Amino acid sequence: MKTSWRSASLVAAAAALALTTACGQDNAQSTGSQNVGAAPAANGVGSGNDYEIGTSNPTAGAQGAQEGAGAKSETAGRLAVAENAKLGEVVTDSAGMTLYRFDKDTAEPPKSTCDGDCATTWPPVPASGASAPAGIDKSLLGEVTRSDGTKQLTLDGWPMYRYAKDTKAGDTKGQGVGGTWYASAPTGKKATEGGGEAAADLPGLSTRNDPELGEVVVDKNGMTVYRFEKDVPWPMKSNCVGECLEKWPVVEPVDAADTKGIDNKNDGRRGYVVLNRPDGLKQQSIDCWPLYTFAGDKKPGDTNGQGVGGTWYAISPEGKPLGKPK
């Protein structure tokens, strides 16, 4: 009995030791979604970075929204379908202003998660007074009650917004902001570069075969995912802060079950770990490398961020930098 007890104790101790080394973190508590480690550092980088082992749902809010001019939430009136040179058919209000949808919202059931400062930059479109023109199935129009009790227009369940930085009819300056805002196609799907609607929904993270780079990780929109060579995987730390994040938005937490072809096993050392950044953002990592997309990529398949500054590279499903010179 003593030998069995000692063996069991050694196994438990080894497992505990493995957990404490996950991405260099000394205070790992479990492989669930609990926060572990020290409080965030005041300077925004360094030892204050905090981790979550496993995954958690991303916090909805105003991430990706930029400072705007505070456009008014005016009635949309009779909607229209406009032909955009880059995006194809997009939905506008009666004044020709582009309407957008937000990836952090949900359509089933309809729910808006853009409040506060976010709603200043992205004014919700009121449901009252809106009507469908030829080209939009009127059965797709609906409404959702926002947290403040107001009614917001929905299209196929997706809440509709304007963008405060669009100043004239036909502007689409909100397209792709933060990797979460997209002009709405007449069906309620996302309009994409090259015209047409976004492809069928992909998992939160998956892969595609790039003719030059091989198997590349992509996000739910099919956009290439990158790693930054100035980041530190052990202990995990992101050195892309401030203005850097405008060009390189973080990849938010993705549930392990919502992936395909990704190395997302938590083996107690270098697994599928979420970084709690000092700036309040939560960032997914692979093999302890924080993940990003590139604002310069405009459509699925783009790899415009590859090799930028000799520090940014598309990432493999195992966390390796693809195409990095040896």
C-alpha atoms as a PDB file:
ATOM      1  CA  MET A   1       0.000   0.000   0.000  1.00  0.00           C
ATOM      2  CA  LYS A   2       2.858   2.358   0.816  1.00  0.00           C
ATOM      3  CA  THR A   3       4.452   1.756  -2.600  1.00  0.00           C
ATOM      4  CA  SER A   4       1.165   2.383  -4.429  1.00  0.00           C
ATOM      5  CA  TRP A   5       0.533   5.562  -2.437  1.00  0.00           C
ATOM      6  CA  ARG A   6       4.042   6.818  -3.184  1.00  0.00           C
ATOM      7  CA  SER A   7       3.683   6.061  -6.909  1.00  0.00           C
ATOM      8  CA  ALA A   8       0.363   7.882  -7.068  1.00  0.00           C
ATOM      9  CA  SER A   9       1.883  10.840  -5.245  1.00  0.00           C
ATOM     10  CA  LEU A  10       4.791  11.020  -7.675  1.00  0.00           C
ATOM     11  CA  VAL A  11       2.426  10.956 -10.646  1.00  0.00           C
ATOM     12  CA  ALA A  12       0.299  13.731  -9.144  1.00  0.00           C
ATOM     13  CA  ALA A  13       3.375  15.802  -8.371  1.00  0.00           C
ATOM     14  CA  ALA A  14       4.692  15.392 -11.916  1.00  0.00           C
ATOM     15  CA  ALA A  15       1.351  16.475 -13.354  1.00  0.00           C
ATOM     16  CA  ALA A  16       1.269  19.518 -11.088  1.00  0.00           C
ATOM     17  CA  LEU A  17       4.816  20.442 -12.115  1.00  0.00           C
ATOM     18  CA  ALA A  18       3.895  20.177 -15.788  1.00  0.00           C
ATOM     19  CA  LEU A  19       0.950  22.519 -15.284  1.00  0.00           C
ATOM     20  CA  THR A  20       3.096  25.106 -13.530  1.00  0.00           C
ATOM     21  CA  THR A  21       5.305  25.407 -16.616  1.00  0.00           C
ATOM     22  CA  ALA A  22       2.562  26.087 -19.156  1.00  0.00           C
ATOM     23  CA  CYS A  23       3.976  28.894 -21.306  1.00  0.00           C
ATOM     24  CA  GLY A  24       6.375  29.715 -18.491  1.00  0.00           C
ATOM     25  CA  GLN A  25       3.632  30.518 -15.975  1.00  0.00           C
ATOM     26  CA  ASP A  26       4.460  29.595 -12.392  1.00  0.00           C
ATOM     27  CA  ASN A  27       0.974  29.651 -10.860  1.00  0.00           C
ATOM     28  CA  ALA A  28      -1.129  27.509 -13.179  1.00  0.00           C
ATOM     29  CA  GLN A  29      -4.166  26.190 -11.352  1.00  0.00           C
ATOM     30  CA  SER A  30      -5.977  23.998 -13.850  1.00  0.00           C
ATOM     31  CA  THR A  31      -6.471  23.188 -17.507  1.00  0.00           C
ATOM     32  CA  GLY A  32      -9.872  24.845 -17.458  1.00  0.00           C
ATOM     33  CA  SER A  33     -10.531  28.490 -18.221  1.00  0.00           C
ATOM     34  CA  GLN A  34      -9.517  30.021 -14.878  1.00  0.00           C
ATOM     35  CA  ASN A  35      -7.232  33.024 -14.792  1.00  0.00           C
ATOM     36  CA  VAL A  36      -3.800  32.203 -13.451  1.00  0.00           C
ATOM     37  CA  GLY A  37      -0.693  34.179 -12.593  1.00  0.00           C
ATOM     38  CA  ALA A  38       0.025  37.696 -11.429  1.00  0.00           C
ATOM     39  CA  ALA A  39      -2.032  40.831 -11.998  1.00  0.00           C
ATOM     40  CA  PRO A  40      -1.358  42.757 -15.231  1.00  0.00           C
ATOM     41  CA  ALA A  41       1.678  45.007 -15.225  1.00  0.00           C
ATOM     42  CA  ALA A  42       1.074  48.734 -15.253  1.00  0.00           C
ATOM     43  CA  ASN A  43       3.376  49.365 -18.212  1.00  0.00           C
ATOM     44  CA  GLY A  44       1.322  47.232 -20.577  1.00  0.00           C
ATOM     45  CA  VAL A  45       4.035  44.664 -21.371  1.00  0.00           C
ATOM     46  CA  GLY A  46       6.312  42.316 -19.500  1.00  0.00           C
ATOM     47  CA  SER A  47       5.765  40.087 -16.522  1.00  0.00           C
ATOM     48  CA  GLY A  48       2.263  41.408 -15.916  1.00  0.00           C
ATOM     49  CA  ASN A  49       0.889  39.360 -18.835  1.00  0.00           C
ATOM     50  CA  ASP A  50      -1.619  36.902 -17.436  1.00  0.00           C
ATOM     51  CA  TYR A  51      -2.784  33.630 -18.942  1.00  0.00           C
ATOM     52  CA  GLU A  52      -5.761  31.338 -19.136  1.00  0.00           C
ATOM     53  CA  ILE A  53      -5.145  27.664 -19.673  1.00  0.00           C
ATOM     54  CA  GLY A  54      -7.677  26.214 -22.086  1.00  0.00           C
ATOM     55  CA  THR A  55     -10.209  28.542 -23.681  1.00  0.00           C
ATOM     56  CA  SER A  56     -12.986  30.941 -22.836  1.00  0.00           C
ATOM     57  CA  ASN A  57     -15.605  32.857 -24.759  1.00  0.00           C
ATOM     58  CA  PRO A  58     -14.373  36.260 -25.943  1.00  0.00           C
ATOM     59  CA  THR A  59     -15.772  39.234 -24.113  1.00  0.00           C
ATOM     60  CA  ALA A  60     -18.086  41.156 -26.400  1.00  0.00           C
ATOM     61  CA  GLY A  61     -17.708  44.899 -26.494  1.00  0.00           C
ATOM     62  CA  ALA A  62     -16.094  47.756 -28.300  1.00  0.00           C
ATOM     63  CA  GLN A  63     -12.826  46.144 -29.397  1.00  0.00           C
ATOM     64  CA  GLY A  64     -12.130  47.074 -33.021  1.00  0.00           C
ATOM     65  CA  ALA A  65     -14.194  50.233 -32.818  1.00  0.00           C
ATOM     66  CA  GLN A  66     -12.211  53.368 -33.511  1.00  0.00           C
ATOM     67  CA  GLU A  67     -12.864  56.885 -32.358  1.00  0.00           C
ATOM     68  CA  GLY A  68     -15.628  58.392 -34.434  1.00  0.00           C
ATOM     69  CA  ALA A  69     -17.524  61.556 -34.993  1.00  0.00           C
ATOM     70  CA  GLY A  70     -20.611  60.389 -33.091  1.00  0.00           C
ATOM     71  CA  ALA A  71     -23.002  59.967 -36.006  1.00  0.00           C
ATOM     72  CA  LYS A  72     -26.681  60.186 -35.124  1.00  0.00           C
ATOM     73  CA  SER A  73     -28.909  57.118 -35.053  1.00  0.00           C
ATOM     74  CA  GLU A  74     -31.373  58.304 -37.661  1.00  0.00           C
ATOM     75  CA  THR A  75     -34.158  56.239 -39.159  1.00  0.00           C
ATOM     76  CA  ALA A  76     -32.907  54.227 -42.127  1.00  0.00           C
ATOM     77  CA  GLY A  77     -36.029  54.818 -44.208  1.00  0.00           C
ATOM     78  CA  ARG A  78     -36.294  52.751 -47.363  1.00  0.00           C
ATOM     79  CA  LEU A  79     -33.168  50.660 -47.627  1.00  0.00           C
ATOM     80  CA  ALA A  80     -31.277  50.332 -50.892  1.00  0.00           C
ATOM     81  CA  VAL A  81     -28.869  47.916 -52.554  1.00  0.00           C
ATOM     82  CA  ALA A  82     -25.793  49.741 -53.836  1.00  0.00           C
ATOM     83  CA  GLU A  83     -23.126  48.368 -56.158  1.00  0.00           C
ATOM     84  CA  ASN A  84     -19.665  48.871 -54.661  1.00  0.00           C
ATOM     85  CA  ALA A  85     -16.641  48.539 -56.940  1.00  0.00           C
ATOM     86  CA  LYS A  86     -14.726  46.408 -54.426  1.00  0.00           C
ATOM     87  CA  LEU A  87     -17.424  44.713 -52.373  1.00  0.00           C
ATOM     88  CA  GLY A  88     -20.202  44.115 -54.861  1.00  0.00           C
ATOM     89  CA  GLU A  89     -23.747  44.595 -53.545  1.00  0.00           C
ATOM     90  CA  VAL A  90     -24.009  46.260 -50.131  1.00  0.00           C
ATOM     91  CA  VAL A  91     -27.000  47.493 -48.144  1.00  0.00           C
ATOM     92  CA  THR A  92     -27.404  51.222 -47.518  1.00  0.00           C
ATOM     93  CA  ASP A  93     -29.969  53.418 -45.831  1.00  0.00           C
ATOM     94  CA  SER A  94     -32.147  55.857 -47.739  1.00  0.00           C
ATOM     95  CA  ALA A  95     -29.319  58.427 -47.711  1.00  0.00           C
ATOM     96  CA  GLY A  96     -26.857  55.987 -49.263  1.00  0.00           C
ATOM     97  CA  MET A  97     -24.887  55.355 -46.050  1.00  0.00           C
ATOM     98  CA  THR A  98     -23.462  51.834 -45.778  1.00  0.00           C
ATOM     99  CA  LEU A  99     -24.908  49.499 -43.142  1.00  0.00           C
ATOM    100  CA  TYR A 100     -22.620  47.142 -41.243  1.00  0.00           C
ATOM    101  CA  ARG A 101     -22.768  44.010 -39.103  1.00  0.00           C
ATOM    102  CA  PHE A 102     -20.570  43.071 -36.140  1.00  0.00           C
ATOM    103  CA  ASP A 103     -19.015  39.615 -35.724  1.00  0.00           C
ATOM    104  CA  LYS A 104     -19.421  39.743 -31.941  1.00  0.00           C
ATOM    105  CA  ASP A 105     -23.191  40.043 -32.290  1.00  0.00           C
ATOM    106  CA  THR A 106     -25.351  36.988 -32.875  1.00  0.00           C
ATOM    107  CA  ALA A 107     -28.171  36.362 -35.323  1.00  0.00           C
ATOM    108  CA  GLU A 108     -29.673  33.271 -33.691  1.00  0.00           C
ATOM    109  CA  PRO A 109     -30.998  34.631 -31.448  1.00  0.00           C
ATOM    110  CA  PRO A 110     -30.516  38.261 -32.513  1.00  0.00           C
ATOM    111  CA  LYS A 111     -28.345  40.100 -29.997  1.00  0.00           C
ATOM    112  CA  SER A 112     -26.366  43.357 -30.085  1.00  0.00           C
ATOM    113  CA  THR A 113     -23.153  43.566 -28.054  1.00  0.00           C
ATOM    114  CA  CYS A 114     -22.106  47.069 -29.159  1.00  0.00           C
ATOM    115  CA  ASP A 115     -22.865  49.523 -26.367  1.00  0.00           C
ATOM    116  CA  GLY A 116     -21.288  52.615 -24.801  1.00  0.00           C
ATOM    117  CA  ASP A 117     -18.353  54.029 -26.763  1.00  0.00           C
ATOM    118  CA  CYS A 118     -18.804  51.303 -29.342  1.00  0.00           C
ATOM    119  CA  ALA A 119     -22.317  52.538 -30.116  1.00  0.00           C
ATOM    120  CA  THR A 120     -20.962  56.075 -30.527  1.00  0.00           C
ATOM    121  CA  THR A 121     -18.560  54.925 -33.217  1.00  0.00           C
ATOM    122  CA  TRP A 122     -21.054  52.445 -34.666  1.00  0.00           C
ATOM    123  CA  PRO A 123     -24.521  54.000 -34.248  1.00  0.00           C
ATOM    124  CA  PRO A 124     -27.235  51.315 -34.185  1.00  0.00           C
ATOM    125  CA  VAL A 125     -29.824  51.665 -36.947  1.00  0.00           C
ATOM    126  CA  PRO A 126     -33.318  52.137 -35.458  1.00  0.00           C
ATOM    127  CA  ALA A 127     -35.878  49.542 -36.497  1.00  0.00           C
ATOM    128  CA  SER A 128     -38.738  52.026 -36.838  1.00  0.00           C
ATOM    129  CA  GLY A 129     -39.329  53.446 -40.296  1.00  0.00           C
ATOM    130  CA  ALA A 130     -37.137  50.950 -42.140  1.00  0.00           C
ATOM    131  CA  SER A 131     -38.510  49.160 -45.186  1.00  0.00           C
ATOM    132  CA  ALA A 132     -37.138  46.767 -47.788  1.00  0.00           C
ATOM    133  CA  PRO A 133     -36.653  47.711 -51.449  1.00  0.00           C
ATOM    134  CA  ALA A 134     -36.500  45.389 -54.443  1.00  0.00           C
ATOM    135  CA  GLY A 135     -33.395  43.269 -53.970  1.00  0.00           C
ATOM    136  CA  ILE A 136     -33.914  42.641 -50.248  1.00  0.00           C
ATOM    137  CA  ASP A 137     -36.345  39.993 -49.043  1.00  0.00           C
ATOM    138  CA  LYS A 138     -38.647  41.879 -46.673  1.00  0.00           C
ATOM    139  CA  SER A 139     -38.980  38.746 -44.531  1.00  0.00           C
ATOM    140  CA  LEU A 140     -35.300  39.217 -43.589  1.00  0.00           C
ATOM    141  CA  LEU A 141     -36.004  42.528 -41.858  1.00  0.00           C
ATOM    142  CA  GLY A 142     -36.562  42.388 -38.121  1.00  0.00           C
ATOM    143  CA  GLU A 143     -35.651  44.059 -34.865  1.00  0.00           C
ATOM    144  CA  VAL A 144     -33.840  43.359 -31.626  1.00  0.00           C
ATOM    145  CA  THR A 145     -34.251  45.062 -28.265  1.00  0.00           C
ATOM    146  CA  ARG A 146     -30.973  46.578 -27.123  1.00  0.00           C
ATOM    147  CA  SER A 147     -29.755  46.771 -23.528  1.00  0.00           C
ATOM    148  CA  ASP A 148     -31.086  50.344 -23.300  1.00  0.00           C
ATOM    149  CA  GLY A 149     -34.550  49.229 -24.403  1.00  0.00           C
ATOM    150  CA  THR A 150     -34.402  50.728 -27.907  1.00  0.00           C
ATOM    151  CA  LYS A 151     -35.276  48.701 -31.001  1.00  0.00           C
ATOM    152  CA  GLN A 152     -32.504  48.073 -33.537  1.00  0.00           C
ATOM    153  CA  LEU A 153     -32.963  46.996 -37.142  1.00  0.00           C
ATOM    154  CA  THR A 154     -31.808  43.479 -38.013  1.00  0.00           C
ATOM    155  CA  LEU A 155     -31.198  41.845 -41.384  1.00  0.00           C
ATOM    156  CA  ASP A 156     -31.500  38.057 -41.303  1.00  0.00           C
ATOM    157  CA  GLY A 157     -31.093  38.381 -37.543  1.00  0.00           C
ATOM    158  CA  TRP A 158     -27.910  40.499 -37.646  1.00  0.00           C
ATOM    159  CA  PRO A 159     -28.151  43.926 -35.948  1.00  0.00           C
ATOM    160  CA  MET A 160     -27.387  46.778 -38.360  1.00  0.00           C
ATOM    161  CA  TYR A 161     -25.084  49.766 -37.732  1.00  0.00           C
ATOM    162  CA  ARG A 162     -23.669  52.794 -39.504  1.00  0.00           C
ATOM    163  CA  TYR A 163     -20.017  53.883 -39.122  1.00  0.00           C
ATOM    164  CA  ALA A 164     -19.268  57.340 -37.751  1.00  0.00           C
ATOM    165  CA  LYS A 165     -16.252  57.788 -40.056  1.00  0.00           C
ATOM    166  CA  ASP A 166     -18.363  57.285 -43.181  1.00  0.00           C
ATOM    167  CA  THR A 167     -19.094  60.905 -44.075  1.00  0.00           C
ATOM    168  CA  LYS A 168     -20.779  60.602 -47.465  1.00  0.00           C
ATOM    169  CA  ALA A 169     -22.963  58.207 -49.403  1.00  0.00           C
ATOM    170  CA  GLY A 170     -21.011  55.242 -50.699  1.00  0.00           C
ATOM    171  CA  ASP A 171     -18.245  55.338 -48.067  1.00  0.00           C
ATOM    172  CA  THR A 172     -17.191  51.920 -46.750  1.00  0.00           C
ATOM    173  CA  LYS A 173     -14.452  52.992 -44.336  1.00  0.00           C
ATOM    174  CA  GLY A 174     -15.783  50.577 -41.721  1.00  0.00           C
ATOM    175  CA  GLN A 175     -15.118  47.505 -43.859  1.00  0.00           C
ATOM    176  CA  GLY A 176     -12.877  45.071 -41.990  1.00  0.00           C
ATOM    177  CA  VAL A 177     -12.231  47.336 -38.990  1.00  0.00           C
ATOM    178  CA  GLY A 178     -10.749  45.265 -36.177  1.00  0.00           C
ATOM    179  CA  GLY A 179     -11.413  42.149 -38.225  1.00  0.00           C
ATOM    180  CA  THR A 180     -14.978  42.207 -36.872  1.00  0.00           C
ATOM    181  CA  TRP A 181     -16.963  44.825 -38.841  1.00  0.00           C
ATOM    182  CA  TYR A 182     -18.262  44.211 -42.360  1.00  0.00           C
ATOM    183  CA  ALA A 183     -20.643  45.860 -44.772  1.00  0.00           C
ATOM    184  CA  SER A 184     -23.853  43.875 -45.057  1.00  0.00           C
ATOM    185  CA  ALA A 185     -24.810  42.102 -48.262  1.00  0.00           C
ATOM    186  CA  PRO A 186     -28.566  42.093 -49.133  1.00  0.00           C
ATOM    187  CA  THR A 187     -28.914  38.638 -47.527  1.00  0.00           C
ATOM    188  CA  GLY A 188     -27.412  39.782 -44.217  1.00  0.00           C
ATOM    189  CA  LYS A 189     -24.136  37.986 -44.877  1.00  0.00           C
ATOM    190  CA  LYS A 190     -20.795  39.815 -44.942  1.00  0.00           C
ATOM    191  CA  ALA A 191     -19.820  41.552 -48.165  1.00  0.00           C
ATOM    192  CA  THR A 192     -16.231  40.764 -49.163  1.00  0.00           C
ATOM    193  CA  GLU A 193     -13.498  42.099 -51.440  1.00  0.00           C
ATOM    194  CA  GLY A 194     -13.974  41.027 -55.016  1.00  0.00           C
ATOM    195  CA  GLY A 195     -17.748  41.202 -54.701  1.00  0.00           C
ATOM    196  CA  GLY A 196     -20.177  38.653 -53.358  1.00  0.00           C
ATOM    197  CA  GLU A 197     -20.815  37.284 -49.908  1.00  0.00           C
ATOM    198  CA  ALA A 198     -18.401  35.764 -47.453  1.00  0.00           C
ATOM    199  CA  ALA A 199     -17.734  32.074 -47.876  1.00  0.00           C
ATOM    200  CA  ALA A 200     -19.522  29.550 -45.707  1.00  0.00           C
ATOM    201  CA  ASP A 201     -18.668  29.986 -42.055  1.00  0.00           C
ATOM    202  CA  LEU A 202     -15.339  28.455 -41.108  1.00  0.00           C
ATOM    203  CA  PRO A 203     -14.328  27.184 -37.667  1.00  0.00           C
ATOM    204  CA  GLY A 204     -12.841  29.750 -35.297  1.00  0.00           C
ATOM    205  CA  LEU A 205      -9.383  28.592 -36.387  1.00  0.00           C
ATOM    206  CA  SER A 206      -8.542  26.218 -39.219  1.00  0.00           C
ATOM    207  CA  THR A 207      -5.974  25.853 -41.997  1.00  0.00           C
ATOM    208  CA  ARG A 208      -5.651  26.315 -45.733  1.00  0.00           C
ATOM    209  CA  ASN A 209      -2.971  25.237 -48.171  1.00  0.00           C
ATOM    210  CA  ASP A 210      -1.037  28.233 -49.461  1.00  0.00           C
ATOM    211  CA  PRO A 211       0.830  27.544 -52.735  1.00  0.00           C
ATOM    212  CA  GLU A 212       4.002  29.197 -51.414  1.00  0.00           C
ATOM    213  CA  LEU A 213       3.880  28.749 -47.638  1.00  0.00           C
ATOM    214  CA  GLY A 214       2.160  25.413 -47.191  1.00  0.00           C
ATOM    215  CA  GLU A 215      -0.430  24.813 -44.431  1.00  0.00           C
ATOM    216  CA  VAL A 216      -1.340  28.204 -42.967  1.00  0.00           C
ATOM    217  CA  VAL A 217      -3.604  28.947 -39.989  1.00  0.00           C
ATOM    218  CA  VAL A 218      -6.653  31.090 -40.820  1.00  0.00           C
ATOM    219  CA  ASP A 219      -9.386  32.649 -38.679  1.00  0.00           C
ATOM    220  CA  LYS A 220     -13.157  32.276 -38.970  1.00  0.00           C
ATOM    221  CA  ASN A 221     -13.184  34.704 -41.910  1.00  0.00           C
ATOM    222  CA  GLY A 222     -10.483  32.808 -43.770  1.00  0.00           C
ATOM    223  CA  MET A 223      -7.924  35.543 -43.035  1.00  0.00           C
ATOM    224  CA  THR A 224      -4.276  34.575 -42.586  1.00  0.00           C
ATOM    225  CA  VAL A 225      -3.034  34.355 -38.980  1.00  0.00           C
ATOM    226  CA  TYR A 226       0.460  35.581 -38.056  1.00  0.00           C
ATOM    227  CA  ARG A 227       3.020  35.467 -35.248  1.00  0.00           C
ATOM    228  CA  PHE A 228       5.379  38.291 -34.229  1.00  0.00           C
ATOM    229  CA  GLU A 229       9.041  37.450 -33.753  1.00  0.00           C
ATOM    230  CA  LYS A 230       9.444  40.187 -31.129  1.00  0.00           C
ATOM    231  CA  ASP A 231       6.930  38.426 -28.896  1.00  0.00           C
ATOM    232  CA  VAL A 232       8.180  36.028 -26.235  1.00  0.00           C
ATOM    233  CA  PRO A 233       6.693  32.533 -25.916  1.00  0.00           C
ATOM    234  CA  TRP A 234       8.343  31.609 -22.607  1.00  0.00           C
ATOM    235  CA  PRO A 235       7.121  33.271 -20.444  1.00  0.00           C
ATOM    236  CA  MET A 236       4.481  34.284 -22.958  1.00  0.00           C
ATOM    237  CA  LYS A 237       4.404  38.021 -23.645  1.00  0.00           C
ATOM    238  CA  SER A 238       3.043  40.167 -26.476  1.00  0.00           C
ATOM    239  CA  ASN A 239       5.160  43.123 -27.547  1.00  0.00           C
ATOM    240  CA  CYS A 240       2.597  44.393 -30.058  1.00  0.00           C
ATOM    241  CA  VAL A 241       0.840  47.177 -28.154  1.00  0.00           C
ATOM    242  CA  GLY A 242      -0.735  50.560 -28.852  1.00  0.00           C
ATOM    243  CA  GLU A 243      -0.626  51.584 -32.525  1.00  0.00           C
ATOM    244  CA  CYS A 244       0.811  48.198 -33.447  1.00  0.00           C
ATOM    245  CA  LEU A 245      -2.592  46.639 -32.730  1.00  0.00           C
ATOM    246  CA  GLU A 246      -4.265  48.857 -35.323  1.00  0.00           C
ATOM    247  CA  LYS A 247      -2.292  47.071 -38.023  1.00  0.00           C
ATOM    248  CA  TRP A 248      -2.127  43.710 -36.281  1.00  0.00           C
ATOM    249  CA  PRO A 249      -5.425  42.950 -34.457  1.00  0.00           C
ATOM    250  CA  VAL A 250      -5.261  40.136 -31.923  1.00  0.00           C
ATOM    251  CA  VAL A 251      -6.997  36.826 -32.548  1.00  0.00           C
ATOM    252  CA  GLU A 252      -9.536  36.494 -29.769  1.00  0.00           C
ATOM    253  CA  PRO A 253     -10.038  33.278 -27.786  1.00  0.00           C
ATOM    254  CA  VAL A 254     -11.375  30.365 -29.803  1.00  0.00           C
ATOM    255  CA  ASP A 255     -12.846  27.309 -28.124  1.00  0.00           C
ATOM    256  CA  ALA A 256     -10.780  24.206 -28.801  1.00  0.00           C
ATOM    257  CA  ALA A 257     -13.893  22.488 -30.135  1.00  0.00           C
ATOM    258  CA  ASP A 258     -14.282  25.276 -32.705  1.00  0.00           C
ATOM    259  CA  THR A 259     -11.030  24.453 -34.521  1.00  0.00           C
ATOM    260  CA  LYS A 260      -9.940  22.139 -37.311  1.00  0.00           C
ATOM    261  CA  GLY A 261      -6.385  20.959 -37.909  1.00  0.00           C
ATOM    262  CA  ILE A 262      -4.921  23.080 -35.084  1.00  0.00           C
ATOM    263  CA  ASP A 263      -2.498  21.801 -32.443  1.00  0.00           C
ATOM    264  CA  ASN A 264      -4.722  22.641 -29.476  1.00  0.00           C
ATOM    265  CA  LYS A 265      -3.790  19.975 -26.949  1.00  0.00           C
ATOM    266  CA  ASN A 266      -2.985  21.245 -23.452  1.00  0.00           C
ATOM    267  CA  ASP A 267      -0.094  18.980 -22.551  1.00  0.00           C
ATOM    268  CA  GLY A 268       0.847  20.974 -19.453  1.00  0.00           C
ATOM    269  CA  ARG A 269       3.686  22.758 -21.212  1.00  0.00           C
ATOM    270  CA  ARG A 270       3.057  24.414 -24.548  1.00  0.00           C
ATOM    271  CA  GLY A 271      -0.550  24.068 -25.572  1.00  0.00           C
ATOM    272  CA  TYR A 272      -3.633  26.006 -26.547  1.00  0.00           C
ATOM    273  CA  VAL A 273      -3.335  28.961 -24.157  1.00  0.00           C
ATOM    274  CA  VAL A 274      -5.188  32.277 -23.893  1.00  0.00           C
ATOM    275  CA  LEU A 275      -3.150  35.361 -22.996  1.00  0.00           C
ATOM    276  CA  ASN A 276      -4.836  37.922 -20.742  1.00  0.00           C
ATOM    277  CA  ARG A 277      -3.113  41.082 -21.946  1.00  0.00           C
ATOM    278  CA  PRO A 278      -2.479  44.102 -19.694  1.00  0.00           C
ATOM    279  CA  ASP A 279      -4.543  46.234 -22.099  1.00  0.00           C
ATOM    280  CA  GLY A 280      -7.602  44.119 -21.252  1.00  0.00           C
ATOM    281  CA  LEU A 281      -7.712  42.120 -24.487  1.00  0.00           C
ATOM    282  CA  LYS A 282      -7.728  38.342 -24.502  1.00  0.00           C
ATOM    283  CA  GLN A 283      -5.538  36.755 -27.167  1.00  0.00           C
ATOM    284  CA  GLN A 284      -5.391  33.194 -28.435  1.00  0.00           C
ATOM    285  CA  SER A 285      -2.007  31.526 -28.857  1.00  0.00           C
ATOM    286  CA  ILE A 286      -0.627  28.368 -30.415  1.00  0.00           C
ATOM    287  CA  ASP A 287       2.445  26.817 -28.793  1.00  0.00           C
ATOM    288  CA  CYS A 288       2.629  29.938 -26.595  1.00  0.00           C
ATOM    289  CA  TRP A 289       2.928  32.307 -29.592  1.00  0.00           C
ATOM    290  CA  PRO A 290       0.219  35.043 -29.526  1.00  0.00           C
ATOM    291  CA  LEU A 291      -1.856  35.180 -32.720  1.00  0.00           C
ATOM    292  CA  TYR A 292      -2.695  38.168 -34.943  1.00  0.00           C
ATOM    293  CA  THR A 293      -4.293  39.023 -38.267  1.00  0.00           C
ATOM    294  CA  PHE A 294      -3.082  41.825 -40.567  1.00  0.00           C
ATOM    295  CA  ALA A 295      -5.196  44.873 -41.418  1.00  0.00           C
ATOM    296  CA  GLY A 296      -3.476  44.980 -44.811  1.00  0.00           C
ATOM    297  CA  ASP A 297      -5.032  41.650 -45.798  1.00  0.00           C
ATOM    298  CA  LYS A 298      -8.313  42.498 -47.488  1.00  0.00           C
ATOM    299  CA  LYS A 299      -9.636  39.104 -48.514  1.00  0.00           C
ATOM    300  CA  PRO A 300      -9.209  35.430 -47.649  1.00  0.00           C
ATOM    301  CA  GLY A 301      -5.977  34.108 -49.102  1.00  0.00           C
ATOM    302  CA  ASP A 302      -4.080  37.387 -48.773  1.00  0.00           C
ATOM    303  CA  THR A 303      -0.657  37.141 -47.126  1.00  0.00           C
ATOM    304  CA  ASN A 304       0.360  40.795 -47.326  1.00  0.00           C
ATOM    305  CA  GLY A 305       1.702  40.617 -43.778  1.00  0.00           C
ATOM    306  CA  GLN A 306       4.200  37.886 -44.634  1.00  0.00           C
ATOM    307  CA  GLY A 307       7.742  38.972 -43.788  1.00  0.00           C
ATOM    308  CA  VAL A 308       6.794  42.554 -42.860  1.00  0.00           C
ATOM    309  CA  GLY A 309       9.738  44.151 -41.077  1.00  0.00           C
ATOM    310  CA  GLY A 310      11.449  40.783 -40.980  1.00  0.00           C
ATOM    311  CA  THR A 311       9.378  40.053 -37.876  1.00  0.00           C
ATOM    312  CA  TRP A 312       5.895  38.966 -38.988  1.00  0.00           C
ATOM    313  CA  TYR A 313       5.222  35.523 -40.453  1.00  0.00           C
ATOM    314  CA  ALA A 314       2.224  33.365 -41.221  1.00  0.00           C
ATOM    315  CA  ILE A 315       1.936  30.677 -38.566  1.00  0.00           C
ATOM    316  CA  SER A 316       1.675  26.922 -38.990  1.00  0.00           C
ATOM    317  CA  PRO A 317      -0.876  24.818 -37.044  1.00  0.00           C
ATOM    318  CA  GLU A 318       2.013  23.794 -34.756  1.00  0.00           C
ATOM    319  CA  GLY A 319       2.989  27.430 -34.092  1.00  0.00           C
ATOM    320  CA  LYS A 320       6.003  27.619 -36.414  1.00  0.00           C
ATOM    321  CA  PRO A 321       6.824  30.735 -38.516  1.00  0.00           C
ATOM    322  CA  LEU A 322       6.308  29.887 -42.181  1.00  0.00           C
ATOM    323  CA  GLY A 323       8.745  31.185 -44.771  1.00  0.00           C
ATOM    324  CA  LYS A 324      11.117  32.664 -42.177  1.00  0.00           C
ATOM    325  CA  PRO A 325      14.693  32.847 -43.516  1.00  0.00           C
ATOM    326  CA  LYS A 326      17.051  30.454 -41.795  1.00  0.00           C
END
